[in-house]
Amino acid sequence: MEASIKNLSFEYKYTDILFDAIRELFKDENFVHQGPDGVMYGAIYAGFVSEIIGMRFPGPGSIIVSSHYDFFAPAKLNDVIVGTIVDSKIKLGGRIVKTTILFINKKSRKRLCRVRCLVDVSLTSS
């Protein structure tokens, strides 16, 4: 038996503080990320996904065991990005949740990135 969860959305803003933190942490000086038209670091999506899965749904105790990222369009500095759980299959009695999160640009409505994850929920309290 399966249950399905859909349409939970979360907003993030790609700020210069976030840009500087990722650049400093990963030492990525690739020119495509620089300047006013620089492309957002793809690694930032991993942080968004970690926050959604680990803190919101399924929540604390969840562990991402695999993830796949499809990038469709770049995000730029000061873009507001909306991440929506567009599909999540929960195998009742099981420990794995299959979740798809779609990220879009709030202003332009362009699809930016789709992330498909398998999540181990055996340590969650629910």
PDB file of N, CA and C in Angstrom:
ATOM      1  N   MET A   1       0.841  -1.182   0.000  1.00  0.00           N
ATOM      2  CA  MET A   1       0.000   0.000   0.000  1.00  0.00           C
ATOM      3  C   MET A   1       0.890   1.251   0.000  1.00  0.00           C
ATOM      4  N   GLU A   2       0.458   2.291  -0.698  1.00  0.00           N
ATOM      5  CA  GLU A   2       1.214   3.536  -0.770  1.00  0.00           C
ATOM      6  C   GLU A   2       0.320   4.715  -0.430  1.00  0.00           C
ATOM      7  N   ALA A   3       0.930   5.753   0.097  1.00  0.00           N
ATOM      8  CA  ALA A   3       0.258   7.040   0.289  1.00  0.00           C
ATOM      9  C   ALA A   3       1.041   8.061  -0.519  1.00  0.00           C
ATOM     10  N   SER A   4       0.409   9.160  -0.874  1.00  0.00           N
ATOM     11  CA  SER A   4       1.063  10.171  -1.699  1.00  0.00           C
ATOM     12  C   SER A   4       0.936  11.548  -1.060  1.00  0.00           C
ATOM     13  N   ILE A   5       2.036  12.308  -1.080  1.00  0.00           N
ATOM     14  CA  ILE A   5       2.065  13.682  -0.587  1.00  0.00           C
ATOM     15  C   ILE A   5       2.474  14.567  -1.758  1.00  0.00           C
ATOM     16  N   LYS A   6       1.777  15.697  -1.960  1.00  0.00           N
ATOM     17  CA  LYS A   6       2.103  16.612  -3.059  1.00  0.00           C
ATOM     18  C   LYS A   6       1.877  18.055  -2.630  1.00  0.00           C
ATOM     19  N   ASN A   7       2.514  18.946  -3.380  1.00  0.00           N
ATOM     20  CA  ASN A   7       2.252  20.383  -3.341  1.00  0.00           C
ATOM     21  C   ASN A   7       2.610  21.091  -2.034  1.00  0.00           C
ATOM     22  N   LEU A   8       3.640  20.626  -1.335  1.00  0.00           N
ATOM     23  CA  LEU A   8       4.201  21.375  -0.220  1.00  0.00           C
ATOM     24  C   LEU A   8       5.286  22.265  -0.811  1.00  0.00           C
ATOM     25  N   SER A   9       5.216  23.586  -0.582  1.00  0.00           N
ATOM     26  CA  SER A   9       6.164  24.525  -1.197  1.00  0.00           C
ATOM     27  C   SER A   9       6.937  25.316  -0.154  1.00  0.00           C
ATOM     28  N   PHE A  10       8.188  25.663  -0.530  1.00  0.00           N
ATOM     29  CA  PHE A  10       9.085  26.395   0.345  1.00  0.00           C
ATOM     30  C   PHE A  10       9.851  27.413  -0.495  1.00  0.00           C
ATOM     31  N   GLU A  11      10.068  28.628   0.043  1.00  0.00           N
ATOM     32  CA  GLU A  11      10.751  29.698  -0.694  1.00  0.00           C
ATOM     33  C   GLU A  11      12.156  29.935  -0.168  1.00  0.00           C
ATOM     34  N   TYR A  12      13.052  30.242  -1.115  1.00  0.00           N
ATOM     35  CA  TYR A  12      14.440  30.567  -0.794  1.00  0.00           C
ATOM     36  C   TYR A  12      14.846  31.756  -1.660  1.00  0.00           C
ATOM     37  N   LYS A  13      15.724  32.611  -1.139  1.00  0.00           N
ATOM     38  CA  LYS A  13      16.248  33.723  -1.927  1.00  0.00           C
ATOM     39  C   LYS A  13      17.752  33.534  -2.076  1.00  0.00           C
ATOM     40  N   TYR A  14      18.231  33.613  -3.319  1.00  0.00           N
ATOM     41  CA  TYR A  14      19.659  33.480  -3.609  1.00  0.00           C
ATOM     42  C   TYR A  14      20.310  34.837  -3.412  1.00  0.00           C
ATOM     43  N   THR A  15      20.932  35.036  -2.259  1.00  0.00           N
ATOM     44  CA  THR A  15      21.514  36.321  -1.883  1.00  0.00           C
ATOM     45  C   THR A  15      23.030  36.313  -2.041  1.00  0.00           C
ATOM     46  N   ASP A  16      23.623  37.495  -1.978  1.00  0.00           N
ATOM     47  CA  ASP A  16      25.082  37.587  -2.041  1.00  0.00           C
ATOM     48  C   ASP A  16      25.737  36.916  -0.832  1.00  0.00           C
ATOM     49  N   ILE A  17      25.061  36.885   0.303  1.00  0.00           N
ATOM     50  CA  ILE A  17      25.595  36.194   1.486  1.00  0.00           C
ATOM     51  C   ILE A  17      25.700  34.691   1.215  1.00  0.00           C
ATOM     52  N   LEU A  18      24.672  34.132   0.613  1.00  0.00           N
ATOM     53  CA  LEU A  18      24.685  32.704   0.253  1.00  0.00           C
ATOM     54  C   LEU A  18      25.758  32.434  -0.795  1.00  0.00           C
ATOM     55  N   PHE A  19      25.836  33.289  -1.803  1.00  0.00           N
ATOM     56  CA  PHE A  19      26.861  33.168  -2.848  1.00  0.00           C
ATOM     57  C   PHE A  19      28.262  33.157  -2.234  1.00  0.00           C
ATOM     58  N   ASP A  20      28.556  34.135  -1.376  1.00  0.00           N
ATOM     59  CA  ASP A  20      29.883  34.239  -0.762  1.00  0.00           C
ATOM     60  C   ASP A  20      30.206  33.031   0.108  1.00  0.00           C
ATOM     61  N   ALA A  21      29.223  32.533   0.858  1.00  0.00           N
ATOM     62  CA  ALA A  21      29.445  31.378   1.726  1.00  0.00           C
ATOM     63  C   ALA A  21      29.790  30.134   0.917  1.00  0.00           C
ATOM     64  N   ILE A  22      29.073  29.895  -0.170  1.00  0.00           N
ATOM     65  CA  ILE A  22      29.340  28.717  -1.006  1.00  0.00           C
ATOM     66  C   ILE A  22      30.680  28.860  -1.714  1.00  0.00           C
ATOM     67  N   ARG A  23      30.976  30.036  -2.240  1.00  0.00           N
ATOM     68  CA  ARG A  23      32.263  30.259  -2.917  1.00  0.00           C
ATOM     69  C   ARG A  23      33.424  30.013  -1.952  1.00  0.00           C
ATOM     70  N   GLU A  24      33.302  30.522  -0.742  1.00  0.00           N
ATOM     71  CA  GLU A  24      34.361  30.346   0.259  1.00  0.00           C
ATOM     72  C   GLU A  24      34.482  28.880   0.682  1.00  0.00           C
ATOM     73  N   LEU A  25      33.367  28.234   0.905  1.00  0.00           N
ATOM     74  CA  LEU A  25      33.376  26.844   1.368  1.00  0.00           C
ATOM     75  C   LEU A  25      33.978  25.893   0.344  1.00  0.00           C
ATOM     76  N   PHE A  26      33.566  26.017  -0.921  1.00  0.00           N
ATOM     77  CA  PHE A  26      33.984  25.066  -1.954  1.00  0.00           C
ATOM     78  C   PHE A  26      35.135  25.554  -2.826  1.00  0.00           C
ATOM     79  N   LYS A  27      35.532  26.812  -2.659  1.00  0.00           N
ATOM     80  CA  LYS A  27      36.655  27.381  -3.429  1.00  0.00           C
ATOM     81  C   LYS A  27      36.405  27.317  -4.940  1.00  0.00           C
ATOM     82  N   ASP A  28      35.159  27.427  -5.328  1.00  0.00           N
ATOM     83  CA  ASP A  28      34.787  27.384  -6.746  1.00  0.00           C
ATOM     84  C   ASP A  28      34.796  28.804  -7.297  1.00  0.00           C
ATOM     85  N   GLU A  29      35.806  29.121  -8.090  1.00  0.00           N
ATOM     86  CA  GLU A  29      35.950  30.447  -8.689  1.00  0.00           C
ATOM     87  C   GLU A  29      35.614  30.442 -10.188  1.00  0.00           C
ATOM     88  N   ASN A  30      34.884  29.420 -10.625  1.00  0.00           N
ATOM     89  CA  ASN A  30      34.496  29.308 -12.025  1.00  0.00           C
ATOM     90  C   ASN A  30      33.843  30.620 -12.478  1.00  0.00           C
ATOM     91  N   PHE A  31      34.296  31.149 -13.618  1.00  0.00           N
ATOM     92  CA  PHE A  31      33.795  32.444 -14.095  1.00  0.00           C
ATOM     93  C   PHE A  31      32.296  32.466 -14.332  1.00  0.00           C
ATOM     94  N   VAL A  32      31.644  31.312 -14.564  1.00  0.00           N
ATOM     95  CA  VAL A  32      30.199  31.317 -14.825  1.00  0.00           C
ATOM     96  C   VAL A  32      29.390  31.770 -13.615  1.00  0.00           C
ATOM     97  N   HIS A  33      30.000  31.729 -12.426  1.00  0.00           N
ATOM     98  CA  HIS A  33      29.305  32.152 -11.216  1.00  0.00           C
ATOM     99  C   HIS A  33      29.557  33.612 -10.866  1.00  0.00           C
ATOM    100  N   GLN A  34      30.453  34.268 -11.545  1.00  0.00           N
ATOM    101  CA  GLN A  34      30.905  35.609 -11.171  1.00  0.00           C
ATOM    102  C   GLN A  34      30.082  36.710 -11.857  1.00  0.00           C
ATOM    103  N   GLY A  35      30.092  37.889 -11.246  1.00  0.00           N
ATOM    104  CA  GLY A  35      29.459  39.058 -11.849  1.00  0.00           C
ATOM    105  C   GLY A  35      27.955  39.088 -11.674  1.00  0.00           C
ATOM    106  N   PRO A  36      27.329  40.165 -12.141  1.00  0.00           N
ATOM    107  CA  PRO A  36      25.889  40.339 -11.950  1.00  0.00           C
ATOM    108  C   PRO A  36      25.042  39.308 -12.700  1.00  0.00           C
ATOM    109  N   ASP A  37      25.597  38.705 -13.762  1.00  0.00           N
ATOM    110  CA  ASP A  37      24.857  37.686 -14.502  1.00  0.00           C
ATOM    111  C   ASP A  37      25.329  36.279 -14.170  1.00  0.00           C
ATOM    112  N   GLY A  38      26.078  36.150 -13.089  1.00  0.00           N
ATOM    113  CA  GLY A  38      26.596  34.843 -12.691  1.00  0.00           C
ATOM    114  C   GLY A  38      25.491  33.852 -12.361  1.00  0.00           C
ATOM    115  N   VAL A  39      25.743  32.609 -12.674  1.00  0.00           N
ATOM    116  CA  VAL A  39      24.802  31.511 -12.449  1.00  0.00           C
ATOM    117  C   VAL A  39      24.957  30.997 -11.013  1.00  0.00           C
ATOM    118  N   MET A  40      23.839  30.713 -10.364  1.00  0.00           N
ATOM    119  CA  MET A  40      23.869  30.182  -9.009  1.00  0.00           C
ATOM    120  C   MET A  40      24.613  28.847  -8.970  1.00  0.00           C
ATOM    121  N   TYR A  41      25.363  28.626  -7.910  1.00  0.00           N
ATOM    122  CA  TYR A  41      26.036  27.347  -7.708  1.00  0.00           C
ATOM    123  C   TYR A  41      25.001  26.229  -7.587  1.00  0.00           C
ATOM    124  N   GLY A  42      25.183  25.157  -8.347  1.00  0.00           N
ATOM    125  CA  GLY A  42      24.273  24.014  -8.281  1.00  0.00           C
ATOM    126  C   GLY A  42      24.250  23.358  -6.914  1.00  0.00           C
ATOM    127  N   ALA A  43      25.362  23.443  -6.183  1.00  0.00           N
ATOM    128  CA  ALA A  43      25.442  22.839  -4.848  1.00  0.00           C
ATOM    129  C   ALA A  43      24.424  23.441  -3.883  1.00  0.00           C
ATOM    130  N   ILE A  44      23.965  24.642  -4.165  1.00  0.00           N
ATOM    131  CA  ILE A  44      22.985  25.276  -3.283  1.00  0.00           C
ATOM    132  C   ILE A  44      21.679  24.487  -3.272  1.00  0.00           C
ATOM    133  N   TYR A  45      21.326  23.883  -4.411  1.00  0.00           N
ATOM    134  CA  TYR A  45      20.112  23.056  -4.430  1.00  0.00           C
ATOM    135  C   TYR A  45      20.219  21.909  -3.437  1.00  0.00           C
ATOM    136  N   ALA A  46      21.417  21.336  -3.289  1.00  0.00           N
ATOM    137  CA  ALA A  46      21.599  20.241  -2.325  1.00  0.00           C
ATOM    138  C   ALA A  46      21.272  20.721  -0.911  1.00  0.00           C
ATOM    139  N   GLY A  47      21.637  21.967  -0.600  1.00  0.00           N
ATOM    140  CA  GLY A  47      21.295  22.535   0.701  1.00  0.00           C
ATOM    141  C   GLY A  47      19.798  22.732   0.866  1.00  0.00           C
ATOM    142  N   PHE A  48      19.147  23.229  -0.190  1.00  0.00           N
ATOM    143  CA  PHE A  48      17.690  23.398  -0.139  1.00  0.00           C
ATOM    144  C   PHE A  48      17.004  22.045   0.080  1.00  0.00           C
ATOM    145  N   VAL A  49      17.446  21.033  -0.674  1.00  0.00           N
ATOM    146  CA  VAL A  49      16.860  19.693  -0.566  1.00  0.00           C
ATOM    147  C   VAL A  49      17.085  19.137   0.841  1.00  0.00           C
ATOM    148  N   SER A  50      18.285  19.300   1.367  1.00  0.00           N
ATOM    149  CA  SER A  50      18.587  18.814   2.712  1.00  0.00           C
ATOM    150  C   SER A  50      17.669  19.444   3.750  1.00  0.00           C
ATOM    151  N   GLU A  51      17.423  20.749   3.612  1.00  0.00           N
ATOM    152  CA  GLU A  51      16.538  21.436   4.555  1.00  0.00           C
ATOM    153  C   GLU A  51      15.098  20.957   4.413  1.00  0.00           C
ATOM    154  N   ILE A  52      14.619  20.799   3.182  1.00  0.00           N
ATOM    155  CA  ILE A  52      13.241  20.329   2.971  1.00  0.00           C
ATOM    156  C   ILE A  52      13.070  18.926   3.548  1.00  0.00           C
ATOM    157  N   ILE A  53      13.945  18.006   3.158  1.00  0.00           N
ATOM    158  CA  ILE A  53      13.823  16.607   3.579  1.00  0.00           C
ATOM    159  C   ILE A  53      14.096  16.452   5.079  1.00  0.00           C
ATOM    160  N   GLY A  54      15.157  17.076   5.562  1.00  0.00           N
ATOM    161  CA  GLY A  54      15.572  16.866   6.940  1.00  0.00           C
ATOM    162  C   GLY A  54      14.793  17.626   7.989  1.00  0.00           C
ATOM    163  N   MET A  55      14.188  18.738   7.604  1.00  0.00           N
ATOM    164  CA  MET A  55      13.511  19.569   8.600  1.00  0.00           C
ATOM    165  C   MET A  55      12.003  19.722   8.371  1.00  0.00           C
ATOM    166  N   ARG A  56      11.532  19.488   7.150  1.00  0.00           N
ATOM    167  CA  ARG A  56      10.122  19.747   6.855  1.00  0.00           C
ATOM    168  C   ARG A  56       9.348  18.473   6.524  1.00  0.00           C
ATOM    169  N   PHE A  57       9.741  17.785   5.470  1.00  0.00           N
ATOM    170  CA  PHE A  57       9.076  16.542   5.091  1.00  0.00           C
ATOM    171  C   PHE A  57      10.074  15.601   4.424  1.00  0.00           C
ATOM    172  N   PRO A  58      10.229  14.408   4.882  1.00  0.00           N
ATOM    173  CA  PRO A  58       9.575  13.768   6.012  1.00  0.00           C
ATOM    174  C   PRO A  58       9.973  14.320   7.383  1.00  0.00           C
ATOM    175  N   GLY A  59      11.129  15.023   7.490  1.00  0.00           N
ATOM    176  CA  GLY A  59      11.481  15.699   8.724  1.00  0.00           C
ATOM    177  C   GLY A  59      12.652  15.073   9.457  1.00  0.00           C
ATOM    178  N   PRO A  60      12.885  15.540  10.688  1.00  0.00           N
ATOM    179  CA  PRO A  60      14.040  15.085  11.464  1.00  0.00           C
ATOM    180  C   PRO A  60      14.130  13.559  11.542  1.00  0.00           C
ATOM    181  N   GLY A  61      15.343  13.073  11.360  1.00  0.00           N
ATOM    182  CA  GLY A  61      15.601  11.639  11.329  1.00  0.00           C
ATOM    183  C   GLY A  61      15.681  11.079   9.921  1.00  0.00           C
ATOM    184  N   SER A  62      15.236  11.859   8.924  1.00  0.00           N
ATOM    185  CA  SER A  62      15.292  11.424   7.524  1.00  0.00           C
ATOM    186  C   SER A  62      16.724  11.476   7.010  1.00  0.00           C
ATOM    187  N   ILE A  63      17.069  10.506   6.195  1.00  0.00           N
ATOM    188  CA  ILE A  63      18.406  10.458   5.591  1.00  0.00           C
ATOM    189  C   ILE A  63      18.241  10.257   4.087  1.00  0.00           C
ATOM    190  N   ILE A  64      18.806  11.174   3.299  1.00  0.00           N
ATOM    191  CA  ILE A  64      18.776  11.034   1.839  1.00  0.00           C
ATOM    192  C   ILE A  64      19.780   9.954   1.461  1.00  0.00           C
ATOM    193  N   VAL A  65      19.294   8.883   0.823  1.00  0.00           N
ATOM    194  CA  VAL A  65      20.198   7.794   0.437  1.00  0.00           C
ATOM    195  C   VAL A  65      20.622   7.884  -1.025  1.00  0.00           C
ATOM    196  N   SER A  66      19.854   8.605  -1.839  1.00  0.00           N
ATOM    197  CA  SER A  66      20.278   8.888  -3.212  1.00  0.00           C
ATOM    198  C   SER A  66      19.510  10.094  -3.718  1.00  0.00           C
ATOM    199  N   SER A  67      20.130  10.803  -4.666  1.00  0.00           N
ATOM    200  CA  SER A  67      19.460  11.949  -5.276  1.00  0.00           C
ATOM    201  C   SER A  67      19.971  12.130  -6.696  1.00  0.00           C
ATOM    202  N   HIS A  68      19.101  12.648  -7.551  1.00  0.00           N
ATOM    203  CA  HIS A  68      19.440  12.916  -8.951  1.00  0.00           C
ATOM    204  C   HIS A  68      18.923  14.314  -9.285  1.00  0.00           C
ATOM    205  N   TYR A  69      19.801  15.130  -9.861  1.00  0.00           N
ATOM    206  CA  TYR A  69      19.474  16.521 -10.186  1.00  0.00           C
ATOM    207  C   TYR A  69      19.401  16.710 -11.697  1.00  0.00           C
ATOM    208  N   ASP A  70      18.309  17.316 -12.179  1.00  0.00           N
ATOM    209  CA  ASP A  70      18.168  17.736 -13.578  1.00  0.00           C
ATOM    210  C   ASP A  70      18.058  19.259 -13.575  1.00  0.00           C
ATOM    211  N   PHE A  71      18.989  19.918 -14.254  1.00  0.00           N
ATOM    212  CA  PHE A  71      18.999  21.379 -14.319  1.00  0.00           C
ATOM    213  C   PHE A  71      18.405  21.843 -15.652  1.00  0.00           C
ATOM    214  N   PHE A  72      17.458  22.787 -15.579  1.00  0.00           N
ATOM    215  CA  PHE A  72      16.762  23.261 -16.770  1.00  0.00           C
ATOM    216  C   PHE A  72      17.131  24.692 -17.151  1.00  0.00           C
ATOM    217  N   ALA A  73      17.325  25.547 -16.163  1.00  0.00           N
ATOM    218  CA  ALA A  73      17.640  26.961 -16.405  1.00  0.00           C
ATOM    219  C   ALA A  73      18.424  27.486 -15.200  1.00  0.00           C
ATOM    220  N   PRO A  74      19.239  28.518 -15.417  1.00  0.00           N
ATOM    221  CA  PRO A  74      20.031  29.044 -14.300  1.00  0.00           C
ATOM    222  C   PRO A  74      19.224  29.980 -13.395  1.00  0.00           C
ATOM    223  N   ALA A  75      19.599  29.986 -12.132  1.00  0.00           N
ATOM    224  CA  ALA A  75      19.100  30.994 -11.198  1.00  0.00           C
ATOM    225  C   ALA A  75      20.192  32.052 -11.067  1.00  0.00           C
ATOM    226  N   LYS A  76      19.795  33.270 -10.804  1.00  0.00           N
ATOM    227  CA  LYS A  76      20.725  34.401 -10.699  1.00  0.00           C
ATOM    228  C   LYS A  76      20.587  35.042  -9.329  1.00  0.00           C
ATOM    229  N   LEU A  77      21.559  35.888  -8.998  1.00  0.00           N
ATOM    230  CA  LEU A  77      21.571  36.594  -7.730  1.00  0.00           C
ATOM    231  C   LEU A  77      20.255  37.343  -7.503  1.00  0.00           C
ATOM    232  N   ASN A  78      19.734  37.239  -6.324  1.00  0.00           N
ATOM    233  CA  ASN A  78      18.484  37.857  -5.854  1.00  0.00           C
ATOM    234  C   ASN A  78      17.220  37.195  -6.390  1.00  0.00           C
ATOM    235  N   ASP A  79      17.346  36.099  -7.126  1.00  0.00           N
ATOM    236  CA  ASP A  79      16.154  35.357  -7.530  1.00  0.00           C
ATOM    237  C   ASP A  79      15.510  34.721  -6.302  1.00  0.00           C
ATOM    238  N   VAL A  80      14.189  34.670  -6.312  1.00  0.00           N
ATOM    239  CA  VAL A  80      13.450  33.919  -5.303  1.00  0.00           C
ATOM    240  C   VAL A  80      13.092  32.586  -5.946  1.00  0.00           C
ATOM    241  N   ILE A  81      13.471  31.527  -5.261  1.00  0.00           N
ATOM    242  CA  ILE A  81      13.313  30.168  -5.782  1.00  0.00           C
ATOM    243  C   ILE A  81      12.291  29.447  -4.920  1.00  0.00           C
ATOM    244  N   VAL A  82      11.320  28.819  -5.577  1.00  0.00           N
ATOM    245  CA  VAL A  82      10.293  28.062  -4.874  1.00  0.00           C
ATOM    246  C   VAL A  82      10.536  26.581  -5.125  1.00  0.00           C
ATOM    247  N   GLY A  83      10.699  25.840  -4.048  1.00  0.00           N
ATOM    248  CA  GLY A  83      10.837  24.387  -4.133  1.00  0.00           C
ATOM    249  C   GLY A  83       9.529  23.755  -3.715  1.00  0.00           C
ATOM    250  N   THR A  84       8.975  22.914  -4.588  1.00  0.00           N
ATOM    251  CA  THR A  84       7.691  22.266  -4.317  1.00  0.00           C
ATOM    252  C   THR A  84       7.845  20.760  -4.408  1.00  0.00           C
ATOM    253  N   ILE A  85       7.357  20.069  -3.391  1.00  0.00           N
ATOM    254  CA  ILE A  85       7.293  18.608  -3.469  1.00  0.00           C
ATOM    255  C   ILE A  85       6.146  18.298  -4.421  1.00  0.00           C
ATOM    256  N   VAL A  86       6.486  17.823  -5.620  1.00  0.00           N
ATOM    257  CA  VAL A  86       5.460  17.571  -6.629  1.00  0.00           C
ATOM    258  C   VAL A  86       4.978  16.124  -6.590  1.00  0.00           C
ATOM    259  N   ASP A  87       5.751  15.263  -5.959  1.00  0.00           N
ATOM    260  CA  ASP A  87       5.326  13.876  -5.801  1.00  0.00           C
ATOM    261  C   ASP A  87       6.145  13.238  -4.701  1.00  0.00           C
ATOM    262  N   SER A  88       5.487  12.470  -3.870  1.00  0.00           N
ATOM    263  CA  SER A  88       6.171  11.738  -2.816  1.00  0.00           C
ATOM    264  C   SER A  88       5.377  10.486  -2.514  1.00  0.00           C
ATOM    265  N   LYS A  89       5.992   9.369  -2.739  1.00  0.00           N
ATOM    266  CA  LYS A  89       5.341   8.080  -2.490  1.00  0.00           C
ATOM    267  C   LYS A  89       5.888   7.500  -1.192  1.00  0.00           C
ATOM    268  N   ILE A  90       4.993   7.232  -0.270  1.00  0.00           N
ATOM    269  CA  ILE A  90       5.364   6.650   1.009  1.00  0.00           C
ATOM    270  C   ILE A  90       4.873   5.216   1.018  1.00  0.00           C
ATOM    271  N   LYS A  91       5.800   4.307   1.111  1.00  0.00           N
ATOM    272  CA  LYS A  91       5.416   2.903   1.201  1.00  0.00           C
ATOM    273  C   LYS A  91       5.076   2.609   2.653  1.00  0.00           C
ATOM    274  N   LEU A  92       3.770   2.460   2.937  1.00  0.00           N
ATOM    275  CA  LEU A  92       3.325   2.243   4.309  1.00  0.00           C
ATOM    276  C   LEU A  92       3.913   0.939   4.835  1.00  0.00           C
ATOM    277  N   GLY A  93       4.431   0.999   6.037  1.00  0.00           N
ATOM    278  CA  GLY A  93       5.096  -0.155   6.624  1.00  0.00           C
ATOM    279  C   GLY A  93       6.544  -0.278   6.190  1.00  0.00           C
ATOM    280  N   GLY A  94       6.961   0.560   5.237  1.00  0.00           N
ATOM    281  CA  GLY A  94       8.334   0.524   4.746  1.00  0.00           C
ATOM    282  C   GLY A  94       9.167   1.618   5.363  1.00  0.00           C
ATOM    283  N   ARG A  95      10.375   1.751   4.869  1.00  0.00           N
ATOM    284  CA  ARG A  95      11.257   2.775   5.418  1.00  0.00           C
ATOM    285  C   ARG A  95      11.777   3.737   4.368  1.00  0.00           C
ATOM    286  N   ILE A  96      11.384   3.581   3.103  1.00  0.00           N
ATOM    287  CA  ILE A  96      11.888   4.433   2.024  1.00  0.00           C
ATOM    288  C   ILE A  96      10.759   5.293   1.451  1.00  0.00           C
ATOM    289  N   VAL A  97      11.046   6.582   1.290  1.00  0.00           N
ATOM    290  CA  VAL A  97      10.124   7.517   0.644  1.00  0.00           C
ATOM    291  C   VAL A  97      10.789   7.986  -0.643  1.00  0.00           C
ATOM    292  N   LYS A  98      10.053   7.928  -1.740  1.00  0.00           N
ATOM    293  CA  LYS A  98      10.530   8.427  -3.034  1.00  0.00           C
ATOM    294  C   LYS A  98       9.903   9.798  -3.246  1.00  0.00           C
ATOM    295  N   THR A  99      10.749  10.825  -3.355  1.00  0.00           N
ATOM    296  CA  THR A  99      10.265  12.208  -3.403  1.00  0.00           C
ATOM    297  C   THR A  99      10.835  12.946  -4.610  1.00  0.00           C
ATOM    298  N   THR A 100      10.011  13.757  -5.259  1.00  0.00           N
ATOM    299  CA  THR A 100      10.452  14.638  -6.335  1.00  0.00           C
ATOM    300  C   THR A 100      10.160  16.071  -5.932  1.00  0.00           C
ATOM    301  N   ILE A 101      11.201  16.918  -6.013  1.00  0.00           N
ATOM    302  CA  ILE A 101      11.074  18.337  -5.687  1.00  0.00           C
ATOM    303  C   ILE A 101      11.377  19.136  -6.945  1.00  0.00           C
ATOM    304  N   LEU A 102      10.492  20.044  -7.313  1.00  0.00           N
ATOM    305  CA  LEU A 102      10.688  20.911  -8.466  1.00  0.00           C
ATOM    306  C   LEU A 102      10.956  22.320  -7.973  1.00  0.00           C
ATOM    307  N   PHE A 103      12.057  22.925  -8.465  1.00  0.00           N
ATOM    308  CA  PHE A 103      12.408  24.295  -8.132  1.00  0.00           C
ATOM    309  C   PHE A 103      12.104  25.183  -9.326  1.00  0.00           C
ATOM    310  N   ILE A 104      11.389  26.287  -9.062  1.00  0.00           N
ATOM    311  CA  ILE A 104      11.074  27.253 -10.116  1.00  0.00           C
ATOM    312  C   ILE A 104      11.477  28.649  -9.656  1.00  0.00           C
ATOM    313  N   ASN A 105      11.663  29.540 -10.624  1.00  0.00           N
ATOM    314  CA  ASN A 105      11.887  30.949 -10.340  1.00  0.00           C
ATOM    315  C   ASN A 105      10.515  31.559 -10.057  1.00  0.00           C
ATOM    316  N   LYS A 106      10.362  32.163  -8.878  1.00  0.00           N
ATOM    317  CA  LYS A 106       9.048  32.693  -8.489  1.00  0.00           C
ATOM    318  C   LYS A 106       8.542  33.755  -9.452  1.00  0.00           C
ATOM    319  N   LYS A 107       9.433  34.628  -9.931  1.00  0.00           N
ATOM    320  CA  LYS A 107       9.006  35.736 -10.803  1.00  0.00           C
ATOM    321  C   LYS A 107       8.707  35.264 -12.230  1.00  0.00           C
ATOM    322  N   SER A 108       9.645  34.555 -12.838  1.00  0.00           N
ATOM    323  CA  SER A 108       9.484  34.159 -14.243  1.00  0.00           C
ATOM    324  C   SER A 108       8.686  32.870 -14.415  1.00  0.00           C
ATOM    325  N   ARG A 109       8.554  32.100 -13.341  1.00  0.00           N
ATOM    326  CA  ARG A 109       7.881  30.791 -13.338  1.00  0.00           C
ATOM    327  C   ARG A 109       8.659  29.736 -14.131  1.00  0.00           C
ATOM    328  N   LYS A 110       9.905  30.027 -14.504  1.00  0.00           N
ATOM    329  CA  LYS A 110      10.736  29.052 -15.227  1.00  0.00           C
ATOM    330  C   LYS A 110      11.113  27.906 -14.309  1.00  0.00           C
ATOM    331  N   ARG A 111      11.089  26.707 -14.900  1.00  0.00           N
ATOM    332  CA  ARG A 111      11.598  25.536 -14.177  1.00  0.00           C
ATOM    333  C   ARG A 111      13.114  25.648 -14.101  1.00  0.00           C
ATOM    334  N   LEU A 112      13.669  25.512 -12.907  1.00  0.00           N
ATOM    335  CA  LEU A 112      15.107  25.626 -12.719  1.00  0.00           C
ATOM    336  C   LEU A 112      15.773  24.269 -12.527  1.00  0.00           C
ATOM    337  N   CYS A 113      15.203  23.446 -11.667  1.00  0.00           N
ATOM    338  CA  CYS A 113      15.844  22.191 -11.305  1.00  0.00           C
ATOM    339  C   CYS A 113      14.794  21.216 -10.776  1.00  0.00           C
ATOM    340  N   ARG A 114      14.975  19.941 -11.117  1.00  0.00           N
ATOM    341  CA  ARG A 114      14.139  18.876 -10.542  1.00  0.00           C
ATOM    342  C   ARG A 114      15.074  17.927  -9.811  1.00  0.00           C
ATOM    343  N   VAL A 115      14.689  17.560  -8.593  1.00  0.00           N
ATOM    344  CA  VAL A 115      15.497  16.651  -7.791  1.00  0.00           C
ATOM    345  C   VAL A 115      14.633  15.463  -7.394  1.00  0.00           C
ATOM    346  N   ARG A 116      15.144  14.273  -7.707  1.00  0.00           N
ATOM    347  CA  ARG A 116      14.467  13.038  -7.304  1.00  0.00           C
ATOM    348  C   ARG A 116      15.307  12.370  -6.227  1.00  0.00           C
ATOM    349  N   CYS A 117      14.682  12.055  -5.101  1.00  0.00           N
ATOM    350  CA  CYS A 117      15.398  11.503  -3.946  1.00  0.00           C
ATOM    351  C   CYS A 117      14.745  10.220  -3.444  1.00  0.00           C
ATOM    352  N   LEU A 118      15.581   9.356  -2.913  1.00  0.00           N
ATOM    353  CA  LEU A 118      15.121   8.252  -2.076  1.00  0.00           C
ATOM    354  C   LEU A 118      15.550   8.602  -0.667  1.00  0.00           C
ATOM    355  N   VAL A 119      14.604   8.508   0.269  1.00  0.00           N
ATOM    356  CA  VAL A 119      14.843   8.955   1.638  1.00  0.00           C
ATOM    357  C   VAL A 119      14.534   7.812   2.600  1.00  0.00           C
ATOM    358  N   ASP A 120      15.495   7.518   3.469  1.00  0.00           N
ATOM    359  CA  ASP A 120      15.311   6.528   4.519  1.00  0.00           C
ATOM    360  C   ASP A 120      14.635   7.232   5.701  1.00  0.00           C
ATOM    361  N   VAL A 121      13.456   6.761   6.075  1.00  0.00           N
ATOM    362  CA  VAL A 121      12.709   7.391   7.169  1.00  0.00           C
ATOM    363  C   VAL A 121      12.651   6.502   8.408  1.00  0.00           C
ATOM    364  N   SER A 122      13.498   5.485   8.449  1.00  0.00           N
ATOM    365  CA  SER A 122      13.439   4.549   9.574  1.00  0.00           C
ATOM    366  C   SER A 122      13.801   5.176  10.907  1.00  0.00           C
ATOM    367  N   LEU A 123      14.494   6.311  10.910  1.00  0.00           N
ATOM    368  CA  LEU A 123      14.879   6.979  12.162  1.00  0.00           C
ATOM    369  C   LEU A 123      13.923   8.101  12.554  1.00  0.00           C
ATOM    370  N   THR A 124      12.916   8.386  11.717  1.00  0.00           N
ATOM    371  CA  THR A 124      11.978   9.469  12.049  1.00  0.00           C
ATOM    372  C   THR A 124      11.052   9.029  13.174  1.00  0.00           C
ATOM    373  N   SER A 125      10.509  10.022  13.853  1.00  0.00           N
ATOM    374  CA  SER A 125       9.639   9.722  14.989  1.00  0.00           C
ATOM    375  C   SER A 125       8.211   9.391  14.570  1.00  0.00           C
ATOM    376  N   SER A 126       7.862   9.704  13.312  1.00  0.00           N
ATOM    377  CA  SER A 126       6.481   9.451  12.882  1.00  0.00           C
ATOM    378  C   SER A 126       6.326   8.115  12.215  1.00  0.00           C
TER     379      SER A 126
END
